N, C-alpha and C. Protein backbone atom coordinates (compact mmCIF):
# COMPACT_ATOMS: atom_id res chain seq x y z
N MET A 1 -24.80 -16.16 -1.16
CA MET A 1 -24.89 -14.93 -0.41
C MET A 1 -25.54 -13.85 -1.24
N ASP A 2 -26.41 -13.11 -0.63
CA ASP A 2 -27.14 -12.07 -1.34
C ASP A 2 -26.57 -10.70 -1.00
N VAL A 3 -25.26 -10.58 -1.15
CA VAL A 3 -24.58 -9.32 -0.84
C VAL A 3 -24.99 -8.23 -1.82
N ALA A 4 -25.29 -8.62 -3.05
CA ALA A 4 -25.63 -7.63 -4.09
C ALA A 4 -26.84 -6.80 -3.68
N ARG A 5 -27.85 -7.42 -3.10
CA ARG A 5 -29.03 -6.65 -2.66
C ARG A 5 -28.66 -5.68 -1.55
N THR A 6 -27.82 -6.12 -0.64
CA THR A 6 -27.39 -5.26 0.46
C THR A 6 -26.61 -4.05 -0.06
N LEU A 7 -25.90 -4.24 -1.16
CA LEU A 7 -25.05 -3.17 -1.70
C LEU A 7 -25.75 -2.29 -2.73
N ARG A 8 -26.97 -2.60 -3.10
CA ARG A 8 -27.67 -1.79 -4.10
C ARG A 8 -27.70 -0.30 -3.79
N PRO A 9 -27.97 0.11 -2.54
CA PRO A 9 -27.99 1.55 -2.28
C PRO A 9 -26.64 2.22 -2.56
N TRP A 10 -25.56 1.53 -2.25
CA TRP A 10 -24.22 2.08 -2.48
C TRP A 10 -23.93 2.19 -3.96
N ILE A 11 -24.37 1.20 -4.70
CA ILE A 11 -24.17 1.22 -6.14
C ILE A 11 -25.02 2.33 -6.76
N ALA A 12 -26.27 2.45 -6.31
CA ALA A 12 -27.15 3.52 -6.80
C ALA A 12 -26.53 4.89 -6.51
N TYR A 13 -25.98 5.04 -5.31
CA TYR A 13 -25.35 6.31 -4.96
C TYR A 13 -24.13 6.59 -5.84
N ALA A 14 -23.30 5.60 -6.02
CA ALA A 14 -22.09 5.79 -6.83
C ALA A 14 -22.44 6.21 -8.25
N ILE A 15 -23.42 5.56 -8.83
CA ILE A 15 -23.79 5.87 -10.21
C ILE A 15 -24.47 7.24 -10.30
N ALA A 16 -25.48 7.47 -9.46
CA ALA A 16 -26.23 8.74 -9.53
C ALA A 16 -25.36 9.93 -9.19
N SER A 17 -24.48 9.78 -8.20
CA SER A 17 -23.64 10.92 -7.82
C SER A 17 -22.60 11.22 -8.90
N ALA A 18 -22.16 10.20 -9.60
CA ALA A 18 -21.17 10.42 -10.67
C ALA A 18 -21.82 10.98 -11.93
N LEU A 19 -23.01 10.50 -12.25
CA LEU A 19 -23.63 10.88 -13.51
C LEU A 19 -24.57 12.08 -13.41
N VAL A 20 -25.18 12.30 -12.24
CA VAL A 20 -26.17 13.37 -12.12
C VAL A 20 -25.76 14.37 -11.06
N ASP A 21 -25.93 14.00 -9.79
CA ASP A 21 -25.66 14.94 -8.70
C ASP A 21 -25.59 14.16 -7.40
N TRP A 22 -24.72 14.57 -6.51
CA TRP A 22 -24.55 13.86 -5.24
C TRP A 22 -25.82 13.92 -4.40
N ARG A 23 -26.57 15.01 -4.47
CA ARG A 23 -27.79 15.15 -3.67
C ARG A 23 -28.85 14.17 -4.14
N LEU A 24 -29.00 14.05 -5.44
CA LEU A 24 -29.93 13.07 -5.99
C LEU A 24 -29.46 11.66 -5.65
N GLY A 25 -28.17 11.44 -5.72
CA GLY A 25 -27.62 10.14 -5.37
C GLY A 25 -27.93 9.76 -3.93
N ALA A 26 -27.79 10.73 -3.02
CA ALA A 26 -28.08 10.46 -1.60
C ALA A 26 -29.55 10.10 -1.40
N ALA A 27 -30.45 10.88 -2.02
CA ALA A 27 -31.88 10.62 -1.87
C ALA A 27 -32.26 9.28 -2.49
N LEU A 28 -31.73 8.99 -3.67
CA LEU A 28 -32.01 7.72 -4.33
C LEU A 28 -31.50 6.55 -3.48
N ALA A 29 -30.30 6.67 -2.96
CA ALA A 29 -29.73 5.60 -2.13
C ALA A 29 -30.55 5.40 -0.86
N LEU A 30 -31.05 6.49 -0.27
CA LEU A 30 -31.89 6.38 0.92
C LEU A 30 -33.17 5.60 0.61
N VAL A 31 -33.80 5.90 -0.51
CA VAL A 31 -35.02 5.19 -0.91
C VAL A 31 -34.72 3.70 -1.13
N VAL A 32 -33.63 3.41 -1.83
CA VAL A 32 -33.26 2.01 -2.09
C VAL A 32 -32.94 1.30 -0.77
N ALA A 33 -32.21 1.97 0.13
CA ALA A 33 -31.85 1.36 1.42
C ALA A 33 -33.09 1.10 2.27
N ALA A 34 -34.00 2.07 2.32
CA ALA A 34 -35.23 1.89 3.10
C ALA A 34 -36.04 0.72 2.54
N GLY A 35 -36.10 0.62 1.22
CA GLY A 35 -36.81 -0.50 0.61
C GLY A 35 -36.17 -1.83 0.94
N GLU A 36 -34.84 -1.86 0.97
CA GLU A 36 -34.13 -3.10 1.30
C GLU A 36 -34.34 -3.49 2.76
N VAL A 37 -34.35 -2.50 3.66
CA VAL A 37 -34.64 -2.80 5.07
C VAL A 37 -36.03 -3.42 5.19
N ARG A 38 -37.01 -2.81 4.53
CA ARG A 38 -38.39 -3.34 4.58
C ARG A 38 -38.45 -4.75 4.00
N ARG A 39 -37.77 -4.97 2.87
CA ARG A 39 -37.78 -6.30 2.26
C ARG A 39 -37.19 -7.34 3.21
N GLN A 40 -36.05 -7.02 3.82
CA GLN A 40 -35.42 -7.97 4.73
C GLN A 40 -36.29 -8.22 5.96
N GLN A 41 -36.92 -7.18 6.47
CA GLN A 41 -37.80 -7.37 7.63
C GLN A 41 -38.97 -8.29 7.28
N ARG A 42 -39.52 -8.08 6.10
CA ARG A 42 -40.66 -8.89 5.66
C ARG A 42 -40.24 -10.34 5.42
N GLU A 43 -39.11 -10.55 4.74
CA GLU A 43 -38.70 -11.89 4.35
C GLU A 43 -37.91 -12.64 5.41
N HIS A 44 -37.19 -11.91 6.28
CA HIS A 44 -36.28 -12.57 7.22
C HIS A 44 -36.55 -12.21 8.68
N GLY A 45 -37.52 -11.37 8.94
CA GLY A 45 -37.84 -10.99 10.30
C GLY A 45 -36.94 -9.91 10.87
N GLY A 46 -35.99 -9.43 10.10
CA GLY A 46 -35.09 -8.37 10.52
C GLY A 46 -34.09 -8.07 9.43
N ALA A 47 -33.48 -6.92 9.52
CA ALA A 47 -32.49 -6.50 8.52
C ALA A 47 -31.09 -6.71 9.07
N ASP A 48 -30.14 -7.00 8.17
CA ASP A 48 -28.76 -7.20 8.60
C ASP A 48 -28.12 -5.86 8.97
N ALA A 49 -27.04 -5.93 9.73
CA ALA A 49 -26.38 -4.73 10.26
C ALA A 49 -25.92 -3.78 9.16
N LEU A 50 -25.41 -4.32 8.08
CA LEU A 50 -24.91 -3.48 7.00
C LEU A 50 -26.04 -2.70 6.34
N THR A 51 -27.18 -3.32 6.17
CA THR A 51 -28.32 -2.65 5.55
C THR A 51 -28.86 -1.55 6.46
N VAL A 52 -28.93 -1.82 7.75
CA VAL A 52 -29.40 -0.81 8.70
C VAL A 52 -28.42 0.37 8.74
N ALA A 53 -27.13 0.08 8.80
CA ALA A 53 -26.12 1.15 8.80
C ALA A 53 -26.18 1.95 7.51
N THR A 54 -26.43 1.27 6.41
CA THR A 54 -26.56 1.94 5.12
C THR A 54 -27.72 2.93 5.13
N ARG A 55 -28.85 2.49 5.65
CA ARG A 55 -30.01 3.39 5.71
C ARG A 55 -29.68 4.63 6.53
N TRP A 56 -29.05 4.45 7.69
CA TRP A 56 -28.71 5.60 8.54
C TRP A 56 -27.69 6.51 7.86
N ALA A 57 -26.72 5.92 7.18
CA ALA A 57 -25.70 6.72 6.50
C ALA A 57 -26.33 7.58 5.41
N PHE A 58 -27.23 7.00 4.64
CA PHE A 58 -27.84 7.78 3.56
C PHE A 58 -28.92 8.72 4.07
N LEU A 59 -29.50 8.43 5.21
CA LEU A 59 -30.39 9.41 5.83
C LEU A 59 -29.59 10.64 6.22
N ALA A 60 -28.45 10.43 6.87
CA ALA A 60 -27.59 11.55 7.27
C ALA A 60 -27.10 12.33 6.06
N LEU A 61 -26.71 11.63 5.02
CA LEU A 61 -26.21 12.30 3.82
C LEU A 61 -27.32 13.07 3.11
N THR A 62 -28.52 12.52 3.09
CA THR A 62 -29.66 13.22 2.47
C THR A 62 -30.01 14.47 3.26
N VAL A 63 -29.98 14.38 4.58
CA VAL A 63 -30.23 15.57 5.42
C VAL A 63 -29.18 16.63 5.13
N LEU A 64 -27.92 16.23 5.04
CA LEU A 64 -26.85 17.17 4.71
C LEU A 64 -27.08 17.79 3.33
N ALA A 65 -27.50 16.98 2.38
CA ALA A 65 -27.74 17.47 1.02
C ALA A 65 -28.83 18.53 0.98
N VAL A 66 -29.85 18.36 1.82
CA VAL A 66 -30.94 19.33 1.87
C VAL A 66 -30.54 20.56 2.68
N ALA A 67 -29.90 20.32 3.83
CA ALA A 67 -29.55 21.43 4.73
C ALA A 67 -28.41 22.29 4.20
N GLN A 68 -27.42 21.66 3.59
CA GLN A 68 -26.25 22.39 3.08
C GLN A 68 -25.88 21.86 1.70
N PRO A 69 -26.68 22.18 0.69
CA PRO A 69 -26.43 21.62 -0.64
C PRO A 69 -25.08 22.00 -1.25
N ASP A 70 -24.49 23.08 -0.79
CA ASP A 70 -23.21 23.52 -1.34
C ASP A 70 -22.03 23.20 -0.43
N THR A 71 -22.22 22.30 0.51
CA THR A 71 -21.14 21.95 1.43
C THR A 71 -19.92 21.42 0.66
N PRO A 72 -18.74 21.86 1.05
CA PRO A 72 -17.54 21.33 0.39
C PRO A 72 -17.34 19.84 0.67
N LEU A 73 -18.02 19.32 1.67
CA LEU A 73 -17.92 17.90 2.00
C LEU A 73 -18.43 17.02 0.86
N HIS A 74 -19.35 17.56 0.05
CA HIS A 74 -19.94 16.73 -1.01
C HIS A 74 -18.88 16.18 -1.97
N ARG A 75 -17.80 16.90 -2.12
CA ARG A 75 -16.72 16.47 -3.01
C ARG A 75 -16.16 15.11 -2.59
N TYR A 76 -16.20 14.85 -1.30
CA TYR A 76 -15.61 13.62 -0.76
C TYR A 76 -16.64 12.53 -0.45
N THR A 77 -17.90 12.74 -0.80
CA THR A 77 -18.91 11.75 -0.43
C THR A 77 -18.68 10.36 -1.02
N PRO A 78 -18.11 10.22 -2.23
CA PRO A 78 -17.82 8.85 -2.68
C PRO A 78 -16.85 8.13 -1.74
N ALA A 79 -15.83 8.84 -1.30
CA ALA A 79 -14.86 8.24 -0.37
C ALA A 79 -15.50 8.00 1.00
N LEU A 80 -16.31 8.95 1.46
CA LEU A 80 -16.98 8.78 2.75
C LEU A 80 -17.93 7.58 2.72
N SER A 81 -18.63 7.41 1.61
CA SER A 81 -19.55 6.28 1.49
C SER A 81 -18.81 4.95 1.63
N LEU A 82 -17.72 4.83 0.90
CA LEU A 82 -16.92 3.61 0.99
C LEU A 82 -16.34 3.44 2.40
N GLY A 83 -15.93 4.54 3.01
CA GLY A 83 -15.40 4.48 4.36
C GLY A 83 -16.42 4.00 5.37
N VAL A 84 -17.65 4.49 5.25
CA VAL A 84 -18.73 4.05 6.15
C VAL A 84 -18.98 2.56 5.96
N LEU A 85 -19.02 2.14 4.71
CA LEU A 85 -19.25 0.72 4.42
C LEU A 85 -18.13 -0.14 4.99
N GLY A 86 -16.89 0.27 4.76
CA GLY A 86 -15.75 -0.49 5.28
C GLY A 86 -15.71 -0.49 6.80
N ALA A 87 -15.99 0.66 7.41
CA ALA A 87 -16.00 0.75 8.87
C ALA A 87 -17.11 -0.11 9.47
N THR A 88 -18.26 -0.13 8.82
CA THR A 88 -19.36 -0.97 9.31
C THR A 88 -18.99 -2.44 9.24
N ALA A 89 -18.38 -2.85 8.12
CA ALA A 89 -17.94 -4.24 8.00
C ALA A 89 -16.92 -4.57 9.08
N ALA A 90 -15.97 -3.66 9.31
CA ALA A 90 -14.96 -3.88 10.35
C ALA A 90 -15.60 -3.95 11.73
N TRP A 91 -16.58 -3.08 11.98
CA TRP A 91 -17.27 -3.08 13.27
C TRP A 91 -17.96 -4.42 13.51
N THR A 92 -18.58 -5.00 12.47
CA THR A 92 -19.25 -6.28 12.67
C THR A 92 -18.23 -7.38 13.01
N LEU A 93 -17.02 -7.25 12.48
CA LEU A 93 -15.95 -8.20 12.83
C LEU A 93 -15.57 -8.05 14.30
N LEU A 94 -15.37 -6.79 14.71
CA LEU A 94 -15.00 -6.53 16.11
C LEU A 94 -16.10 -6.97 17.08
N ALA A 95 -17.33 -6.86 16.64
CA ALA A 95 -18.46 -7.27 17.48
C ALA A 95 -18.62 -8.79 17.50
N GLY A 96 -17.83 -9.50 16.69
CA GLY A 96 -17.89 -10.96 16.69
C GLY A 96 -18.98 -11.54 15.81
N GLU A 97 -19.65 -10.70 15.03
CA GLU A 97 -20.72 -11.16 14.15
C GLU A 97 -20.53 -10.56 12.76
N PRO A 98 -19.66 -11.18 11.94
CA PRO A 98 -19.39 -10.64 10.61
C PRO A 98 -20.70 -10.44 9.82
N PHE A 99 -20.80 -9.31 9.14
CA PHE A 99 -22.05 -9.01 8.43
C PHE A 99 -22.40 -10.08 7.41
N THR A 100 -21.42 -10.74 6.84
CA THR A 100 -21.71 -11.76 5.84
C THR A 100 -22.38 -12.99 6.46
N ALA A 101 -22.20 -13.21 7.76
CA ALA A 101 -22.85 -14.36 8.42
C ALA A 101 -24.36 -14.20 8.39
N GLU A 102 -24.83 -12.97 8.63
CA GLU A 102 -26.27 -12.72 8.59
C GLU A 102 -26.83 -13.03 7.21
N ILE A 103 -26.08 -12.66 6.19
CA ILE A 103 -26.52 -12.89 4.82
C ILE A 103 -26.40 -14.37 4.47
N ALA A 104 -25.31 -15.02 4.90
CA ALA A 104 -25.09 -16.43 4.59
C ALA A 104 -26.15 -17.33 5.23
N ARG A 105 -26.64 -16.95 6.38
CA ARG A 105 -27.66 -17.77 7.05
C ARG A 105 -28.94 -17.89 6.21
N ARG A 106 -29.15 -16.94 5.34
CA ARG A 106 -30.36 -16.97 4.50
C ARG A 106 -30.30 -18.06 3.44
N SER A 107 -29.10 -18.55 3.15
CA SER A 107 -28.97 -19.53 2.07
C SER A 107 -28.23 -20.80 2.49
N THR A 108 -28.01 -20.98 3.79
CA THR A 108 -27.34 -22.19 4.26
C THR A 108 -28.21 -22.89 5.30
N PRO A 109 -28.06 -24.20 5.41
CA PRO A 109 -28.84 -24.94 6.41
C PRO A 109 -28.45 -24.50 7.83
N GLU A 110 -29.42 -24.46 8.68
CA GLU A 110 -29.19 -24.05 10.07
C GLU A 110 -28.15 -24.94 10.76
N ALA A 111 -28.04 -26.17 10.32
CA ALA A 111 -27.10 -27.11 10.93
C ALA A 111 -25.64 -26.65 10.82
N VAL A 112 -25.31 -25.82 9.85
CA VAL A 112 -23.91 -25.39 9.68
C VAL A 112 -23.60 -24.07 10.39
N TRP A 113 -24.61 -23.35 10.85
CA TRP A 113 -24.39 -22.02 11.43
C TRP A 113 -23.45 -22.03 12.62
N GLY A 114 -23.48 -23.07 13.41
CA GLY A 114 -22.63 -23.13 14.60
C GLY A 114 -21.26 -23.73 14.37
N LEU A 115 -21.00 -24.20 13.17
CA LEU A 115 -19.70 -24.82 12.88
C LEU A 115 -18.59 -23.78 12.83
N PRO A 116 -17.41 -24.14 13.34
CA PRO A 116 -16.28 -23.20 13.28
C PRO A 116 -15.94 -22.78 11.85
N GLU A 117 -16.12 -23.70 10.90
CA GLU A 117 -15.83 -23.38 9.49
C GLU A 117 -16.74 -22.27 8.97
N PHE A 118 -18.00 -22.28 9.40
CA PHE A 118 -18.95 -21.25 8.98
C PHE A 118 -18.49 -19.88 9.50
N HIS A 119 -18.10 -19.85 10.76
CA HIS A 119 -17.63 -18.58 11.34
C HIS A 119 -16.33 -18.13 10.68
N ARG A 120 -15.39 -19.05 10.51
CA ARG A 120 -14.10 -18.70 9.87
C ARG A 120 -14.31 -18.16 8.45
N ALA A 121 -15.17 -18.82 7.71
CA ALA A 121 -15.44 -18.37 6.34
C ALA A 121 -16.00 -16.96 6.33
N ASN A 122 -16.91 -16.68 7.24
CA ASN A 122 -17.52 -15.36 7.27
C ASN A 122 -16.57 -14.29 7.81
N VAL A 123 -15.68 -14.67 8.70
CA VAL A 123 -14.64 -13.72 9.13
C VAL A 123 -13.73 -13.38 7.95
N ALA A 124 -13.32 -14.39 7.20
CA ALA A 124 -12.44 -14.16 6.04
C ALA A 124 -13.12 -13.29 4.99
N ILE A 125 -14.36 -13.60 4.68
CA ILE A 125 -15.08 -12.86 3.64
C ILE A 125 -15.38 -11.44 4.10
N THR A 126 -15.82 -11.27 5.33
CA THR A 126 -16.10 -9.91 5.83
C THR A 126 -14.82 -9.10 5.91
N THR A 127 -13.71 -9.74 6.27
CA THR A 127 -12.42 -9.03 6.30
C THR A 127 -12.07 -8.53 4.90
N ALA A 128 -12.29 -9.36 3.90
CA ALA A 128 -12.02 -8.94 2.51
C ALA A 128 -12.87 -7.73 2.14
N TRP A 129 -14.15 -7.75 2.52
CA TRP A 129 -15.03 -6.62 2.23
C TRP A 129 -14.57 -5.37 2.97
N ALA A 130 -14.25 -5.50 4.24
CA ALA A 130 -13.82 -4.34 5.03
C ALA A 130 -12.55 -3.73 4.44
N LEU A 131 -11.55 -4.57 4.19
CA LEU A 131 -10.28 -4.07 3.66
C LEU A 131 -10.46 -3.43 2.28
N SER A 132 -11.20 -4.09 1.43
CA SER A 132 -11.41 -3.56 0.08
C SER A 132 -12.09 -2.20 0.13
N MET A 133 -13.12 -2.09 0.96
CA MET A 133 -13.85 -0.82 1.05
C MET A 133 -12.97 0.28 1.65
N LEU A 134 -12.21 -0.05 2.66
CA LEU A 134 -11.36 0.97 3.29
C LEU A 134 -10.23 1.41 2.37
N VAL A 135 -9.64 0.46 1.63
CA VAL A 135 -8.60 0.82 0.66
C VAL A 135 -9.20 1.66 -0.46
N ALA A 136 -10.37 1.26 -0.94
CA ALA A 136 -11.04 2.03 -2.00
C ALA A 136 -11.40 3.43 -1.50
N ALA A 137 -11.83 3.54 -0.24
CA ALA A 137 -12.15 4.86 0.33
C ALA A 137 -10.92 5.75 0.33
N ALA A 138 -9.79 5.19 0.74
CA ALA A 138 -8.54 5.97 0.76
C ALA A 138 -8.14 6.36 -0.66
N GLY A 139 -8.26 5.44 -1.59
CA GLY A 139 -7.94 5.74 -2.99
C GLY A 139 -8.84 6.81 -3.57
N CYS A 140 -10.12 6.69 -3.28
CA CYS A 140 -11.08 7.71 -3.75
C CYS A 140 -10.76 9.06 -3.14
N ALA A 141 -10.48 9.09 -1.85
CA ALA A 141 -10.17 10.36 -1.18
C ALA A 141 -8.94 11.01 -1.81
N ALA A 142 -7.94 10.21 -2.11
CA ALA A 142 -6.72 10.75 -2.73
C ALA A 142 -7.02 11.33 -4.11
N VAL A 143 -7.76 10.59 -4.92
CA VAL A 143 -8.09 11.08 -6.26
C VAL A 143 -8.96 12.34 -6.17
N LEU A 144 -9.94 12.33 -5.28
CA LEU A 144 -10.82 13.49 -5.15
C LEU A 144 -10.08 14.72 -4.64
N ALA A 145 -9.04 14.51 -3.84
CA ALA A 145 -8.25 15.64 -3.34
C ALA A 145 -7.28 16.16 -4.41
N LEU A 146 -6.69 15.25 -5.16
CA LEU A 146 -5.64 15.63 -6.11
C LEU A 146 -6.15 15.91 -7.52
N ALA A 147 -7.18 15.19 -7.92
CA ALA A 147 -7.70 15.35 -9.29
C ALA A 147 -9.22 15.15 -9.30
N PRO A 148 -9.96 16.07 -8.68
CA PRO A 148 -11.41 15.88 -8.53
C PRO A 148 -12.17 15.73 -9.85
N SER A 149 -11.62 16.22 -10.93
CA SER A 149 -12.31 16.09 -12.22
C SER A 149 -12.05 14.74 -12.90
N ALA A 150 -11.25 13.90 -12.28
CA ALA A 150 -10.96 12.56 -12.83
C ALA A 150 -12.07 11.59 -12.45
N THR A 151 -13.28 11.90 -12.90
CA THR A 151 -14.46 11.12 -12.53
C THR A 151 -14.31 9.64 -12.87
N ALA A 152 -13.82 9.34 -14.04
CA ALA A 152 -13.67 7.94 -14.44
C ALA A 152 -12.77 7.18 -13.47
N LEU A 153 -11.74 7.83 -12.97
CA LEU A 153 -10.82 7.17 -12.06
C LEU A 153 -11.47 6.88 -10.72
N TRP A 154 -12.15 7.87 -10.11
CA TRP A 154 -12.74 7.58 -8.80
C TRP A 154 -13.95 6.66 -8.91
N VAL A 155 -14.65 6.67 -10.05
CA VAL A 155 -15.73 5.70 -10.25
C VAL A 155 -15.12 4.30 -10.40
N ALA A 156 -14.02 4.18 -11.14
CA ALA A 156 -13.35 2.88 -11.30
C ALA A 156 -12.89 2.34 -9.95
N ILE A 157 -12.37 3.21 -9.10
CA ILE A 157 -11.94 2.78 -7.76
C ILE A 157 -13.13 2.26 -6.97
N GLN A 158 -14.26 2.97 -7.05
CA GLN A 158 -15.46 2.51 -6.36
C GLN A 158 -15.90 1.15 -6.88
N VAL A 159 -15.93 0.99 -8.18
CA VAL A 159 -16.35 -0.28 -8.79
C VAL A 159 -15.43 -1.41 -8.34
N LEU A 160 -14.12 -1.16 -8.38
CA LEU A 160 -13.17 -2.18 -7.92
C LEU A 160 -13.37 -2.50 -6.44
N GLY A 161 -13.75 -1.49 -5.65
CA GLY A 161 -14.02 -1.70 -4.24
C GLY A 161 -15.14 -2.70 -3.99
N PHE A 162 -16.04 -2.84 -4.97
CA PHE A 162 -17.12 -3.82 -4.88
C PHE A 162 -16.75 -5.13 -5.58
N ILE A 163 -16.12 -5.03 -6.75
CA ILE A 163 -15.84 -6.23 -7.55
C ILE A 163 -14.80 -7.14 -6.89
N VAL A 164 -13.76 -6.56 -6.33
CA VAL A 164 -12.70 -7.38 -5.73
C VAL A 164 -13.23 -8.26 -4.59
N PRO A 165 -13.94 -7.70 -3.60
CA PRO A 165 -14.44 -8.59 -2.54
C PRO A 165 -15.56 -9.52 -3.01
N ALA A 166 -16.33 -9.10 -4.00
CA ALA A 166 -17.37 -9.99 -4.53
C ALA A 166 -16.73 -11.20 -5.20
N ALA A 167 -15.67 -10.97 -5.96
CA ALA A 167 -14.95 -12.08 -6.60
C ALA A 167 -14.31 -12.99 -5.55
N TYR A 168 -13.74 -12.38 -4.51
CA TYR A 168 -13.15 -13.16 -3.42
C TYR A 168 -14.22 -14.01 -2.74
N THR A 169 -15.37 -13.41 -2.49
CA THR A 169 -16.47 -14.12 -1.84
C THR A 169 -16.86 -15.35 -2.66
N THR A 170 -17.03 -15.16 -3.95
CA THR A 170 -17.41 -16.27 -4.83
C THR A 170 -16.33 -17.35 -4.84
N ALA A 171 -15.09 -16.95 -4.99
CA ALA A 171 -13.99 -17.93 -5.02
C ALA A 171 -13.88 -18.67 -3.70
N TYR A 172 -13.98 -17.97 -2.58
CA TYR A 172 -13.86 -18.59 -1.27
C TYR A 172 -15.00 -19.60 -1.07
N ARG A 173 -16.20 -19.16 -1.40
CA ARG A 173 -17.37 -20.03 -1.24
C ARG A 173 -17.23 -21.28 -2.10
N ASN A 174 -16.80 -21.12 -3.35
CA ASN A 174 -16.63 -22.27 -4.25
C ASN A 174 -15.56 -23.22 -3.73
N GLN A 175 -14.46 -22.66 -3.24
CA GLN A 175 -13.37 -23.48 -2.70
C GLN A 175 -13.86 -24.25 -1.47
N LEU A 176 -14.63 -23.61 -0.62
CA LEU A 176 -15.16 -24.25 0.58
C LEU A 176 -16.10 -25.39 0.20
N ARG A 177 -16.95 -25.17 -0.77
CA ARG A 177 -17.87 -26.22 -1.22
C ARG A 177 -17.10 -27.42 -1.77
N GLN A 178 -16.07 -27.15 -2.56
CA GLN A 178 -15.25 -28.23 -3.12
C GLN A 178 -14.62 -29.06 -2.01
N ARG A 179 -14.08 -28.39 -1.00
CA ARG A 179 -13.46 -29.11 0.12
C ARG A 179 -14.48 -29.95 0.87
N MET A 180 -15.68 -29.42 1.04
CA MET A 180 -16.70 -30.13 1.80
C MET A 180 -17.24 -31.33 1.02
N LEU A 181 -17.17 -31.28 -0.31
CA LEU A 181 -17.68 -32.37 -1.14
C LEU A 181 -16.66 -33.49 -1.34
N GLN A 182 -15.38 -33.22 -1.05
CA GLN A 182 -14.34 -34.23 -1.21
C GLN A 182 -14.47 -35.27 -0.11
N PRO A 183 -14.29 -36.55 -0.48
CA PRO A 183 -14.36 -37.60 0.53
C PRO A 183 -13.19 -37.46 1.52
N ALA A 184 -13.46 -37.85 2.75
CA ALA A 184 -12.44 -37.74 3.81
C ALA A 184 -11.35 -38.75 3.68
């Protein structure tokens, strides 16, 4: 699964907003997201739902950064970013098309796409991403409200919000491969 490419704009935003400025982070993330949409369109004929939602989210945030650079909302943008990501992942579950399925199709044979195991695996993995992002968003919001100068803490929460579901994805995929390779 090439989830890392899909998440690059979020990672760019998290780093730039923590180290430099949230406005620069928004603009940088928008550029990275737009580039990823173009890459996916060129290589796969279309972009996945998470990447498209990411582009729109960072377009809106960049417009806000230009229109109201001193908005008090900027304090909560790390939490809002994670919330948008988690909500988008949850929305793809509710729509019956987990965002990870779009990504998984790029690296799996077409013969497995219709199998119940393929769908179940992607529901489980997308659920892990949605929950992790939503929990991290809540944690970030709490830290930003109670101790906004605790940059290391809210950055750590953001990083864990990505690392935990990525590790789960890898473990789940490896376990599934092992089961499929075992003789019946």
